[in-house]
N, C-alpha and C. Protein backbone atom coordinates (compact mmCIF):
# COMPACT_ATOMS: atom_id res chain seq x y z
N MET A 1 -29.65 15.20 22.47
CA MET A 1 -29.61 15.31 20.64
C MET A 1 -30.55 14.42 20.15
N ASP A 2 -31.61 14.45 19.84
CA ASP A 2 -32.88 13.40 19.40
C ASP A 2 -32.52 13.02 17.70
N TRP A 3 -31.62 13.50 17.50
CA TRP A 3 -31.15 12.61 16.01
C TRP A 3 -30.32 11.66 15.96
N THR A 4 -29.83 11.17 14.45
CA THR A 4 -28.89 10.15 14.47
C THR A 4 -28.35 10.24 12.82
N SER A 5 -27.48 9.66 13.08
CA SER A 5 -27.14 9.99 11.62
C SER A 5 -27.77 8.56 10.75
N LEU A 6 -28.00 8.54 9.18
CA LEU A 6 -28.35 7.40 8.38
C LEU A 6 -28.36 7.84 7.09
N TYR A 7 -27.61 7.00 6.24
CA TYR A 7 -27.75 6.92 4.72
C TYR A 7 -29.01 6.76 3.84
N LEU A 8 -29.60 7.22 3.18
CA LEU A 8 -31.06 7.31 2.75
C LEU A 8 -30.68 6.90 1.43
N LYS A 9 -31.16 5.27 0.28
CA LYS A 9 -30.96 5.39 -0.50
C LYS A 9 -32.03 6.23 -1.58
N THR A 10 -31.06 6.55 -2.34
CA THR A 10 -32.02 7.53 -3.20
C THR A 10 -32.01 7.53 -4.30
N THR A 11 -31.94 6.21 -4.97
CA THR A 11 -32.08 5.81 -6.55
C THR A 11 -33.39 5.69 -6.66
N ASP A 12 -34.08 6.38 -7.92
CA ASP A 12 -35.67 6.61 -8.01
C ASP A 12 -36.25 6.93 -6.55
N LEU A 13 -35.66 7.70 -5.83
CA LEU A 13 -36.73 7.96 -4.84
C LEU A 13 -37.42 9.32 -5.15
N ASN A 14 -38.79 9.39 -5.05
CA ASN A 14 -39.20 10.70 -5.52
C ASN A 14 -39.04 11.85 -4.42
N VAL A 15 -38.74 12.93 -5.25
CA VAL A 15 -38.57 14.25 -4.21
C VAL A 15 -39.01 15.54 -4.24
N PHE A 16 -40.50 15.85 -3.68
CA PHE A 16 -40.74 17.71 -3.96
C PHE A 16 -40.36 18.43 -3.25
N ILE A 17 -39.63 19.43 -3.80
CA ILE A 17 -38.93 20.58 -3.55
C ILE A 17 -39.89 21.68 -3.56
N LEU A 18 -40.50 22.42 -2.35
CA LEU A 18 -41.16 23.50 -2.41
C LEU A 18 -40.20 24.30 -2.45
N GLY A 19 -40.19 25.40 -3.53
CA GLY A 19 -38.94 26.54 -3.64
C GLY A 19 -38.34 26.19 -5.07
N THR A 20 -37.60 27.71 -5.49
CA THR A 20 -36.57 27.36 -6.65
C THR A 20 -35.32 27.92 -6.22
N GLY A 21 -35.65 28.33 -5.42
CA GLY A 21 -34.35 29.61 -4.59
C GLY A 21 -33.11 28.74 -4.65
N GLU A 22 -32.17 29.06 -4.14
CA GLU A 22 -30.40 28.72 -3.68
C GLU A 22 -30.34 27.80 -3.06
N VAL A 23 -31.05 27.43 -1.89
CA VAL A 23 -30.96 26.71 -1.06
C VAL A 23 -31.95 25.63 -1.61
N ALA A 24 -33.22 25.33 -2.59
CA ALA A 24 -33.90 24.57 -3.17
C ALA A 24 -32.89 24.25 -4.06
N THR A 25 -32.22 25.03 -4.81
CA THR A 25 -31.57 24.34 -5.57
C THR A 25 -30.06 23.35 -5.59
N ARG A 26 -29.72 24.06 -4.44
CA ARG A 26 -28.91 22.83 -3.79
C ARG A 26 -29.04 21.65 -3.55
N ARG A 27 -30.36 21.55 -2.77
CA ARG A 27 -31.14 20.61 -2.53
C ARG A 27 -31.41 19.82 -3.57
N ALA A 28 -31.71 20.19 -4.27
CA ALA A 28 -32.27 19.81 -5.79
C ALA A 28 -30.96 18.67 -6.53
N ASN A 29 -30.17 19.92 -6.75
CA ASN A 29 -28.53 18.85 -7.09
C ASN A 29 -28.44 18.01 -6.37
N LYS A 30 -28.30 18.02 -4.96
CA LYS A 30 -27.73 16.84 -4.00
C LYS A 30 -28.46 15.17 -4.59
N PHE A 31 -29.74 15.45 -4.32
CA PHE A 31 -30.69 14.77 -4.79
C PHE A 31 -30.50 14.01 -6.21
N LEU A 32 -30.74 14.51 -7.52
CA LEU A 32 -30.23 14.33 -8.50
C LEU A 32 -29.13 13.63 -8.68
N THR A 33 -27.95 14.15 -8.07
CA THR A 33 -26.95 13.77 -8.75
C THR A 33 -26.88 12.13 -7.88
N HIS A 34 -27.64 11.95 -7.04
CA HIS A 34 -27.59 10.80 -6.04
C HIS A 34 -29.10 9.61 -6.57
N GLY A 35 -29.72 10.05 -7.88
CA GLY A 35 -30.35 9.28 -8.48
C GLY A 35 -32.25 9.14 -8.19
N ALA A 36 -31.94 10.69 -7.34
CA ALA A 36 -33.62 10.96 -7.30
C ALA A 36 -33.99 11.33 -8.72
N ASN A 37 -35.75 11.05 -8.40
CA ASN A 37 -36.78 11.89 -8.86
C ASN A 37 -36.83 13.00 -8.49
N VAL A 38 -36.74 14.48 -8.93
CA VAL A 38 -36.70 15.41 -8.70
C VAL A 38 -38.02 16.61 -9.38
N LYS A 39 -38.69 16.88 -8.54
CA LYS A 39 -39.96 17.93 -8.69
C LYS A 39 -39.98 19.05 -7.78
N LEU A 40 -39.82 20.37 -8.53
CA LEU A 40 -39.64 21.89 -7.74
C LEU A 40 -41.05 22.62 -8.19
N ALA A 41 -41.49 23.00 -7.09
CA ALA A 41 -42.56 23.99 -6.92
C ALA A 41 -41.85 25.22 -7.29
N GLY A 42 -42.18 26.71 -8.22
CA GLY A 42 -41.59 27.57 -8.19
C GLY A 42 -41.92 28.74 -9.33
N ASN A 43 -40.63 29.14 -9.30
CA ASN A 43 -40.57 30.22 -10.64
C ASN A 43 -40.07 29.61 -11.12
N HIS A 44 -38.74 29.66 -10.95
CA HIS A 44 -38.05 28.89 -12.29
C HIS A 44 -36.58 28.00 -11.77
N LEU A 45 -36.50 27.08 -13.16
CA LEU A 45 -35.31 26.38 -12.68
C LEU A 45 -33.64 26.43 -13.72
N THR A 46 -32.65 26.45 -12.88
CA THR A 46 -31.20 26.59 -13.67
C THR A 46 -31.31 25.64 -15.03
N ASP A 47 -30.58 25.98 -15.64
CA ASP A 47 -30.47 25.25 -16.75
C ASP A 47 -29.75 24.19 -16.38
N GLU A 48 -29.00 23.97 -15.29
CA GLU A 48 -28.31 22.94 -15.01
C GLU A 48 -29.23 21.66 -14.50
N LEU A 49 -30.60 22.30 -13.29
CA LEU A 49 -30.76 21.59 -13.00
C LEU A 49 -32.15 21.03 -14.41
N GLU A 50 -32.25 21.35 -15.24
CA GLU A 50 -33.29 21.15 -16.29
C GLU A 50 -32.36 20.10 -17.09
N CYS A 51 -31.10 20.02 -17.08
CA CYS A 51 -30.50 18.80 -17.60
C CYS A 51 -30.10 17.60 -16.96
N LYS A 52 -30.36 18.13 -15.95
CA LYS A 52 -29.99 16.86 -14.90
C LYS A 52 -31.46 15.83 -14.86
N GLY A 53 -32.87 16.81 -15.12
CA GLY A 53 -33.60 15.74 -14.93
C GLY A 53 -34.92 16.47 -14.36
N ALA A 54 -34.17 17.41 -13.54
CA ALA A 54 -35.82 18.40 -12.73
C ALA A 54 -37.11 18.65 -13.59
N VAL A 55 -38.22 18.27 -12.54
CA VAL A 55 -39.18 19.12 -13.43
C VAL A 55 -39.55 19.89 -12.88
N LEU A 56 -40.36 21.41 -13.21
CA LEU A 56 -40.60 22.53 -12.67
C LEU A 56 -41.75 22.51 -12.42
N CYS A 57 -42.81 22.66 -11.28
CA CYS A 57 -44.66 23.12 -11.00
C CYS A 57 -44.67 23.94 -10.54
N SER A 58 -46.03 23.56 -11.14
CA SER A 58 -46.55 25.49 -10.33
C SER A 58 -47.03 24.86 -8.59
N THR A 59 -46.98 25.81 -7.65
CA THR A 59 -47.44 25.95 -6.34
C THR A 59 -48.80 25.65 -6.33
N ASP A 60 -49.47 25.72 -7.56
CA ASP A 60 -51.09 25.09 -7.21
C ASP A 60 -50.95 24.05 -7.25
N ASP A 61 -50.15 22.83 -7.33
CA ASP A 61 -50.44 21.62 -7.41
C ASP A 61 -49.61 21.07 -6.26
N VAL A 62 -49.27 21.68 -5.16
CA VAL A 62 -48.34 20.80 -3.97
C VAL A 62 -49.46 20.13 -3.46
N ASP A 63 -50.45 19.60 -3.57
CA ASP A 63 -51.81 18.73 -3.09
C ASP A 63 -50.83 17.38 -3.67
N GLU A 64 -51.01 17.50 -5.19
CA GLU A 64 -50.39 16.10 -5.63
C GLU A 64 -49.26 16.01 -5.89
N LEU A 65 -48.41 17.18 -5.58
CA LEU A 65 -46.87 16.53 -5.39
C LEU A 65 -46.48 15.95 -4.42
N VAL A 66 -47.33 16.00 -3.10
CA VAL A 66 -47.12 15.81 -2.18
C VAL A 66 -47.00 13.85 -1.87
N LYS A 67 -48.50 14.03 -2.53
CA LYS A 67 -49.22 12.71 -2.46
C LYS A 67 -48.23 11.88 -3.72
N TRP A 68 -47.24 12.30 -4.73
CA TRP A 68 -45.96 11.57 -5.43
C TRP A 68 -44.97 11.62 -4.60
N ALA A 69 -44.51 12.16 -3.76
CA ALA A 69 -43.21 12.38 -3.24
C ALA A 69 -43.14 11.42 -2.01
N ASP A 70 -41.98 10.94 -1.80
CA ASP A 70 -41.70 10.01 -1.19
C ASP A 70 -41.07 10.69 0.18
N LEU A 71 -40.38 11.87 -0.55
CA LEU A 71 -39.27 13.15 0.52
C LEU A 71 -40.20 14.31 -0.36
N VAL A 72 -40.64 15.09 1.26
CA VAL A 72 -40.55 16.21 0.73
C VAL A 72 -39.63 17.75 1.11
N VAL A 73 -39.51 18.33 0.49
CA VAL A 73 -38.02 19.19 1.12
C VAL A 73 -38.75 20.89 1.15
N VAL A 74 -39.06 21.25 2.40
CA VAL A 74 -39.76 22.94 2.17
C VAL A 74 -38.21 23.84 2.21
N ALA A 75 -38.50 24.53 1.10
CA ALA A 75 -37.26 25.27 1.14
C ALA A 75 -37.68 26.82 0.40
N SER A 76 -38.96 27.21 0.89
CA SER A 76 -39.54 28.47 0.21
C SER A 76 -39.46 29.39 1.14
N GLY A 77 -39.64 30.75 0.95
CA GLY A 77 -39.43 32.17 1.52
C GLY A 77 -41.34 32.64 1.90
N ASP A 78 -41.60 31.59 1.16
CA ASP A 78 -43.70 31.82 1.49
C ASP A 78 -43.85 30.88 2.63
N GLU A 79 -43.98 31.45 4.32
CA GLU A 79 -44.03 31.18 5.10
C GLU A 79 -45.72 30.07 5.22
N GLU A 80 -46.82 30.83 4.64
CA GLU A 80 -47.71 30.12 4.67
C GLU A 80 -47.99 29.22 4.27
N LEU A 81 -47.62 29.07 2.54
CA LEU A 81 -47.41 28.09 1.86
C LEU A 81 -46.63 26.87 2.55
N SER A 82 -45.67 27.19 2.99
CA SER A 82 -44.60 26.09 3.58
C SER A 82 -45.42 25.20 4.95
N GLU A 83 -46.23 26.45 5.79
CA GLU A 83 -46.96 25.50 6.85
C GLU A 83 -47.98 24.40 5.94
N TYR A 84 -48.68 24.95 5.03
CA TYR A 84 -49.47 24.26 4.10
C TYR A 84 -49.24 23.10 3.67
N VAL A 85 -47.89 22.56 3.23
CA VAL A 85 -47.09 21.57 2.47
C VAL A 85 -46.74 21.01 3.65
N CYS A 86 -46.50 21.40 4.75
CA CYS A 86 -46.03 20.35 5.77
C CYS A 86 -47.11 19.83 6.65
N GLY A 87 -48.62 20.77 6.62
CA GLY A 87 -49.13 20.03 7.47
C GLY A 87 -49.55 18.88 6.82
N ILE A 88 -49.91 18.92 4.96
CA ILE A 88 -50.13 17.72 4.17
C ILE A 88 -49.18 16.59 3.87
N ALA A 89 -48.29 16.49 4.57
CA ALA A 89 -47.23 15.91 4.30
C ALA A 89 -46.59 14.92 5.53
N GLN A 90 -47.61 14.88 6.61
CA GLN A 90 -47.78 14.54 7.92
C GLN A 90 -46.91 12.90 7.82
N ASP A 91 -47.64 12.37 6.34
CA ASP A 91 -47.02 10.48 6.33
C ASP A 91 -45.94 10.31 5.76
N LYS A 92 -45.31 11.56 5.26
CA LYS A 92 -44.07 11.87 4.00
C LYS A 92 -42.63 11.75 5.42
N LEU A 93 -41.68 11.85 4.77
CA LEU A 93 -40.59 12.55 5.55
C LEU A 93 -40.14 13.74 5.05
N VAL A 94 -40.08 14.78 5.92
CA VAL A 94 -40.11 15.91 5.70
C VAL A 94 -38.60 16.49 6.17
N ASN A 95 -37.76 17.11 5.02
CA ASN A 95 -37.13 18.27 5.63
C ASN A 95 -37.39 19.59 5.50
N ARG A 96 -36.90 20.18 6.29
CA ARG A 96 -37.34 21.79 6.63
C ARG A 96 -35.96 22.26 6.27
N ALA A 97 -35.63 23.61 5.60
CA ALA A 97 -34.73 24.36 4.91
C ALA A 97 -34.93 25.39 5.96
N ASP A 98 -36.18 25.66 6.17
CA ASP A 98 -36.35 27.02 7.27
C ASP A 98 -36.24 26.79 8.36
N PHE A 99 -36.89 25.65 8.84
CA PHE A 99 -37.12 25.22 10.42
C PHE A 99 -36.32 23.83 10.34
N PRO A 100 -35.15 23.49 10.34
CA PRO A 100 -34.32 21.58 10.31
C PRO A 100 -35.22 21.31 11.15
N GLN A 101 -34.86 21.38 12.78
CA GLN A 101 -35.60 20.67 13.66
C GLN A 101 -37.06 20.25 14.10
N LYS A 102 -38.15 20.93 12.70
CA LYS A 102 -39.13 20.65 12.74
C LYS A 102 -39.62 19.78 11.55
N GLY A 103 -38.81 19.50 11.12
CA GLY A 103 -38.60 18.26 9.90
C GLY A 103 -38.40 16.92 10.78
N ASP A 104 -38.27 15.89 9.56
CA ASP A 104 -37.98 14.55 10.27
C ASP A 104 -36.38 14.06 9.50
N ILE A 105 -36.03 14.88 8.67
CA ILE A 105 -34.57 14.48 8.14
C ILE A 105 -33.84 16.33 8.06
N ILE A 106 -32.47 16.10 8.30
CA ILE A 106 -31.59 16.66 8.28
C ILE A 106 -30.89 16.62 7.14
N VAL A 107 -30.44 17.39 6.23
CA VAL A 107 -29.80 17.21 4.97
C VAL A 107 -28.08 18.07 5.49
N PRO A 108 -26.98 17.36 6.22
CA PRO A 108 -25.72 17.94 6.52
C PRO A 108 -24.96 18.40 5.39
N THR A 109 -23.90 18.96 6.08
CA THR A 109 -22.89 19.84 5.51
C THR A 109 -22.18 18.22 4.95
N SER A 110 -22.29 18.05 3.90
CA SER A 110 -21.14 16.72 3.39
C SER A 110 -20.59 16.91 1.94
N PHE A 111 -19.30 16.27 1.97
CA PHE A 111 -18.26 16.71 0.50
C PHE A 111 -17.63 15.11 0.44
N ASN A 112 -16.94 15.08 -0.58
CA ASN A 112 -16.46 14.18 -1.10
C ASN A 112 -15.08 14.20 -0.99
N ILE A 113 -14.36 13.03 -1.15
CA ILE A 113 -12.90 12.82 -1.23
C ILE A 113 -12.76 11.20 -1.65
N GLY A 114 -12.64 11.51 -3.17
CA GLY A 114 -12.51 9.84 -3.88
C GLY A 114 -13.86 9.54 -3.76
N GLU A 115 -14.03 8.37 -3.11
CA GLU A 115 -15.65 7.88 -3.03
C GLU A 115 -16.09 7.77 -1.66
N ILE A 116 -15.04 8.19 -1.20
CA ILE A 116 -15.61 8.61 0.53
C ILE A 116 -16.55 9.72 0.86
N GLU A 117 -17.60 9.86 0.91
CA GLU A 117 -18.32 11.01 1.49
C GLU A 117 -18.30 11.09 3.25
N ILE A 118 -18.15 12.00 3.28
CA ILE A 118 -18.21 12.51 5.07
C ILE A 118 -19.17 13.45 5.09
N SER A 119 -19.93 13.42 6.12
CA SER A 119 -21.06 14.35 6.59
C SER A 119 -20.80 15.17 8.30
N ILE A 120 -21.45 16.05 7.99
CA ILE A 120 -20.74 16.84 9.14
C ILE A 120 -22.14 17.40 9.84
N PHE A 121 -22.31 17.41 11.26
CA PHE A 121 -24.19 17.85 11.60
C PHE A 121 -23.50 18.41 12.61
N THR A 122 -24.40 19.70 13.32
CA THR A 122 -23.63 20.40 14.38
C THR A 122 -25.02 20.75 15.39
N ASN A 123 -25.78 19.91 14.71
CA ASN A 123 -26.99 19.85 15.17
C ASN A 123 -27.67 21.14 15.18
N GLY A 124 -27.74 21.79 14.25
CA GLY A 124 -28.34 23.37 13.78
C GLY A 124 -27.63 24.55 14.69
N LYS A 125 -26.61 24.31 15.43
CA LYS A 125 -26.16 25.45 15.48
C LYS A 125 -25.05 26.37 15.13
N SER A 126 -24.63 25.69 14.32
CA SER A 126 -23.36 26.39 13.77
C SER A 126 -23.47 26.12 12.64
N PRO A 127 -24.00 26.45 11.16
CA PRO A 127 -23.36 26.47 9.78
C PRO A 127 -21.74 26.29 9.60
N LEU A 128 -21.51 28.12 10.13
CA LEU A 128 -20.38 28.27 9.95
C LEU A 128 -19.26 27.70 10.14
N MET A 129 -19.23 26.73 11.37
CA MET A 129 -18.36 26.00 12.12
C MET A 129 -18.19 24.72 11.43
N ALA A 130 -19.43 24.58 10.71
CA ALA A 130 -19.76 23.17 9.92
C ALA A 130 -18.51 22.91 8.80
N ARG A 131 -18.61 24.51 8.30
CA ARG A 131 -17.75 24.40 7.24
C ARG A 131 -16.71 24.44 7.45
N GLN A 132 -16.25 25.13 8.61
CA GLN A 132 -14.68 25.18 9.21
C GLN A 132 -13.91 23.81 9.21
N LEU A 133 -15.38 23.28 9.93
CA LEU A 133 -14.77 21.72 10.08
C LEU A 133 -14.18 20.85 8.59
N ARG A 134 -15.05 20.97 7.97
CA ARG A 134 -14.91 20.48 6.60
C ARG A 134 -13.40 20.51 6.35
N LYS A 135 -13.24 22.18 6.34
CA LYS A 135 -11.41 21.99 6.00
C LYS A 135 -11.11 21.54 6.53
N LYS A 136 -10.85 21.54 8.17
CA LYS A 136 -9.73 20.82 8.16
C LYS A 136 -9.64 19.30 8.43
N ILE A 137 -11.14 18.77 8.15
CA ILE A 137 -10.92 17.55 7.92
C ILE A 137 -10.09 16.99 6.45
N GLN A 138 -10.76 18.05 5.10
CA GLN A 138 -10.29 17.90 4.29
C GLN A 138 -8.84 17.98 4.20
N SER A 139 -7.85 18.57 4.61
CA SER A 139 -6.83 18.99 5.11
C SER A 139 -5.83 17.88 6.11
N ILE A 140 -6.82 17.00 6.52
CA ILE A 140 -5.90 15.75 7.64
C ILE A 140 -6.14 14.81 6.39
N ILE A 141 -7.09 14.48 5.65
CA ILE A 141 -7.01 12.94 4.82
C ILE A 141 -6.16 13.01 3.82
N THR A 142 -5.56 12.05 3.31
CA THR A 142 -4.42 11.94 2.26
C THR A 142 -4.90 11.39 1.25
N GLU A 143 -4.08 11.27 0.30
CA GLU A 143 -4.38 10.58 -1.04
C GLU A 143 -3.92 9.20 -0.74
N GLU A 144 -3.07 8.36 0.47
CA GLU A 144 -2.53 7.54 0.79
C GLU A 144 -3.89 6.95 1.70
N ASP A 145 -4.54 7.81 2.36
CA ASP A 145 -5.84 7.31 3.01
C ASP A 145 -6.64 6.23 2.47
N ILE A 146 -6.76 7.09 1.46
CA ILE A 146 -7.79 6.70 -0.07
C ILE A 146 -7.61 5.76 -0.65
N LEU A 147 -6.15 5.15 -0.77
CA LEU A 147 -5.70 3.71 -1.38
C LEU A 147 -5.74 3.00 -0.19
N GLU A 148 -5.51 3.52 0.70
CA GLU A 148 -5.88 2.06 1.84
C GLU A 148 -7.16 2.14 2.30
N ILE A 149 -8.16 2.68 1.86
CA ILE A 149 -9.61 2.08 1.79
C ILE A 149 -9.73 1.68 0.41
N GLU A 150 -9.40 1.55 -0.51
CA GLU A 150 -9.19 0.76 -1.83
C GLU A 150 -8.65 -0.74 -1.68
N LEU A 151 -7.33 -0.65 -0.94
CA LEU A 151 -7.36 -1.66 -0.36
C LEU A 151 -7.89 -2.71 0.06
N GLN A 152 -7.89 -1.73 1.34
CA GLN A 152 -9.08 -2.70 2.38
C GLN A 152 -10.28 -3.14 1.94
N ASP A 153 -10.85 -3.03 0.80
CA ASP A 153 -12.00 -3.28 -0.03
C ASP A 153 -11.83 -4.26 -0.36
N TYR A 154 -10.45 -4.26 -1.25
CA TYR A 154 -10.34 -4.95 -2.34
C TYR A 154 -9.81 -6.80 -1.15
N ALA A 155 -9.02 -6.58 -0.36
CA ALA A 155 -8.79 -7.78 1.05
C ALA A 155 -10.04 -8.43 1.40
N ARG A 156 -10.90 -7.43 1.58
CA ARG A 156 -12.00 -7.82 2.68
C ARG A 156 -12.90 -8.65 1.62
N ASN A 157 -13.22 -8.44 0.05
CA ASN A 157 -13.74 -9.49 -0.75
C ASN A 157 -13.34 -10.40 -0.69
N LYS A 158 -11.74 -10.66 -0.82
CA LYS A 158 -11.15 -11.88 -1.64
C LYS A 158 -11.40 -12.37 -0.20
N LEU A 159 -11.07 -11.90 1.01
CA LEU A 159 -11.00 -12.62 1.98
C LEU A 159 -12.56 -13.40 2.77
N LYS A 160 -13.48 -12.64 2.00
CA LYS A 160 -15.18 -13.36 2.11
C LYS A 160 -15.18 -14.68 1.25
N GLU A 161 -14.33 -14.84 0.37
CA GLU A 161 -14.08 -16.10 -0.65
C GLU A 161 -13.84 -17.04 0.12
N ILE A 162 -12.71 -17.27 1.41
CA ILE A 162 -12.05 -18.06 1.80
C ILE A 162 -11.95 -18.18 3.29
N VAL A 163 -12.74 -17.16 3.71
CA VAL A 163 -12.36 -17.20 5.47
C VAL A 163 -13.52 -17.03 5.85
N GLU A 164 -14.27 -17.82 6.54
CA GLU A 164 -15.50 -17.45 6.96
C GLU A 164 -16.27 -16.70 7.79
N ASP A 165 -14.97 -17.09 9.14
CA ASP A 165 -15.39 -16.43 10.22
C ASP A 165 -14.71 -14.59 10.57
N GLN A 166 -15.73 -14.10 10.78
CA GLN A 166 -15.45 -12.24 10.89
C GLN A 166 -14.40 -11.89 11.52
N LYS A 167 -14.16 -12.55 12.76
CA LYS A 167 -13.32 -12.33 13.06
C LYS A 167 -11.72 -12.43 13.03
N ASP A 168 -11.77 -13.20 12.16
CA ASP A 168 -10.53 -13.30 11.56
C ASP A 168 -10.13 -13.17 10.34
N ARG A 169 -11.06 -12.75 9.42
CA ARG A 169 -11.08 -11.73 8.67
C ARG A 169 -10.79 -10.52 9.51
N ARG A 170 -11.24 -9.67 9.90
CA ARG A 170 -10.98 -8.49 10.56
C ARG A 170 -9.61 -8.32 11.17
N ASN A 171 -9.19 -9.59 12.06
CA ASN A 171 -8.19 -9.35 12.34
C ASN A 171 -6.52 -9.60 11.02
N PHE A 172 -7.39 -10.16 10.21
CA PHE A 172 -6.21 -10.20 8.80
C PHE A 172 -5.92 -8.75 8.11
N LEU A 173 -7.23 -8.35 7.99
CA LEU A 173 -7.35 -7.18 7.81
C LEU A 173 -6.39 -5.83 8.35
N TYR A 174 -6.42 -6.16 9.92
CA TYR A 174 -5.36 -5.16 10.88
C TYR A 174 -4.22 -5.62 10.15
N GLU A 175 -3.56 -7.17 10.36
CA GLU A 175 -2.78 -7.34 9.34
C GLU A 175 -1.94 -6.51 8.18
N ILE A 176 -2.63 -6.70 7.18
CA ILE A 176 -2.81 -5.59 6.25
C ILE A 176 -2.22 -4.46 5.99
N PHE A 177 -3.47 -3.68 7.54
CA PHE A 177 -3.42 -2.57 7.42
C PHE A 177 -2.10 -1.88 8.10
N GLU A 178 -1.30 -2.66 8.89
CA GLU A 178 -0.18 -2.53 9.08
C GLU A 178 1.21 -3.23 8.75
N ASP A 179 1.14 -3.69 7.68
CA ASP A 179 2.23 -4.67 6.71
C ASP A 179 2.88 -3.57 6.21
N ASP A 180 4.48 -3.31 6.65
CA ASP A 180 5.36 -2.67 6.16
C ASP A 180 5.25 -2.56 4.55
N ASN A 181 5.27 -3.92 4.00
CA ASN A 181 5.37 -3.67 2.36
C ASN A 181 4.01 -2.97 2.08
N VAL A 182 2.64 -3.58 2.26
CA VAL A 182 1.49 -2.90 1.64
C VAL A 182 2.23 -1.49 1.75
N ASN A 183 2.10 -1.10 2.80
CA ASN A 183 2.34 0.43 3.34
C ASN A 183 3.22 1.04 1.95
N ASN A 184 4.02 0.46 1.58
CA ASN A 184 5.65 1.10 0.93
C ASN A 184 4.84 0.94 -0.44
N PHE A 185 4.00 0.15 -0.63
CA PHE A 185 3.35 0.14 -1.74
C PHE A 185 2.35 1.33 -2.00
N ILE A 186 1.76 1.76 -1.17
CA ILE A 186 0.62 2.72 -0.90
C ILE A 186 1.37 3.91 -1.13
N LYS A 187 2.71 4.48 -0.48
CA LYS A 187 3.48 5.76 -0.71
C LYS A 187 3.40 5.61 -1.69
N LYS A 188 4.05 4.52 -2.74
CA LYS A 188 4.69 4.61 -4.14
C LYS A 188 3.59 5.09 -5.02
N GLY A 189 2.21 5.09 -4.70
CA GLY A 189 1.01 5.20 -5.44
C GLY A 189 1.24 3.84 -6.51
N ASP A 190 1.75 2.64 -6.15
CA ASP A 190 1.40 1.57 -6.64
C ASP A 190 0.50 0.58 -6.03
N ILE A 191 -0.73 1.07 -6.75
CA ILE A 191 -1.84 0.30 -6.34
C ILE A 191 -1.80 -1.46 -6.91
N GLY A 192 -1.43 -1.50 -8.12
CA GLY A 192 -1.59 -3.18 -8.41
C GLY A 192 -0.23 -3.80 -7.93
N GLY A 193 1.10 -3.09 -7.45
CA GLY A 193 1.35 -3.77 -6.53
C GLY A 193 1.24 -4.46 -5.71
N ALA A 194 0.05 -3.26 -4.83
CA ALA A 194 0.01 -3.95 -3.80
C ALA A 194 -1.00 -5.17 -3.74
N LYS A 195 -2.18 -4.89 -4.43
CA LYS A 195 -3.10 -5.94 -4.64
C LYS A 195 -2.50 -7.45 -5.09
N ASN A 196 -1.16 -7.20 -5.92
CA ASN A 196 -0.44 -8.43 -6.05
C ASN A 196 0.29 -9.15 -4.74
N TYR A 197 0.41 -8.02 -4.19
CA TYR A 197 1.23 -8.74 -2.72
C TYR A 197 -0.01 -8.94 -1.60
N ILE A 198 -0.71 -8.56 -1.55
CA ILE A 198 -2.64 -8.96 -0.74
C ILE A 198 -2.62 -10.28 -1.53
N ASP A 199 -2.62 -10.94 -2.74
CA ASP A 199 -3.06 -12.06 -3.46
C ASP A 199 -2.25 -12.60 -2.51
N ASN A 200 -1.04 -12.63 -2.64
CA ASN A 200 -0.03 -13.50 -2.28
C ASN A 200 -0.23 -14.20 -0.81
N LEU A 201 -0.43 -12.97 0.15
CA LEU A 201 -0.65 -13.21 1.21
C LEU A 201 -2.21 -14.00 1.63
N ILE A 202 -3.16 -13.73 0.92
CA ILE A 202 -4.16 -14.80 0.97
C ILE A 202 -3.80 -15.85 0.30
N ARG A 203 -3.52 -16.06 -0.54
CA ARG A 203 -3.10 -17.59 -1.00
C ARG A 203 -2.16 -18.06 0.29
N GLY A 204 -1.37 -17.09 0.65
CA GLY A 204 -0.92 -18.30 1.53
C GLY A 204 -1.63 -18.96 3.20
N LEU A 205 -3.02 -18.67 3.15
CA LEU A 205 -4.16 -19.03 3.81
C LEU A 205 -4.85 -19.79 3.40
N MET A 206 -4.50 -20.53 1.94
CA MET A 206 -5.82 -21.32 1.40
C MET A 206 -4.85 -22.77 1.84
């Protein structure tokens, strides 16, 4: 597999999407939700995309749109125009919804549980199985897992203030993860009590 997973910072990223159909709309929603500037070339925009700030452009303007873009998404049924856009976008990051393996970036199936985002990539072999795996993962992750992540983040930031050695911080985070009292607070959904308990543990290190 010649692909690796990365997360791209999309705040103020200029994204040009060729197409305004179902796939193009999903891509646009995803990038708009994560702070990108999005322009689409096609026939129409949904009201939702317009409200989020997407701009509808003519397919006659693809040359200028490619120059403007940091990332080009090809999601059009017009094969000739798609190939043309890919040809002039060789110095840009390109996501191809039509032929994913020919692009530079693949947008995987992803979903959020709380503030946690999980992505699934089957190397293009089975979008159906990607959806099935998503359902399985969603059924496994619990509210307690989400609270544990929040507490680990809280403890990690506190420890950075007083413990310089990264290995020492990691060992202490493992102790918190396995602490019965912390786990009892989590089971009761008492995040405030858990944080107070962690504060007392950390003060004991000072």
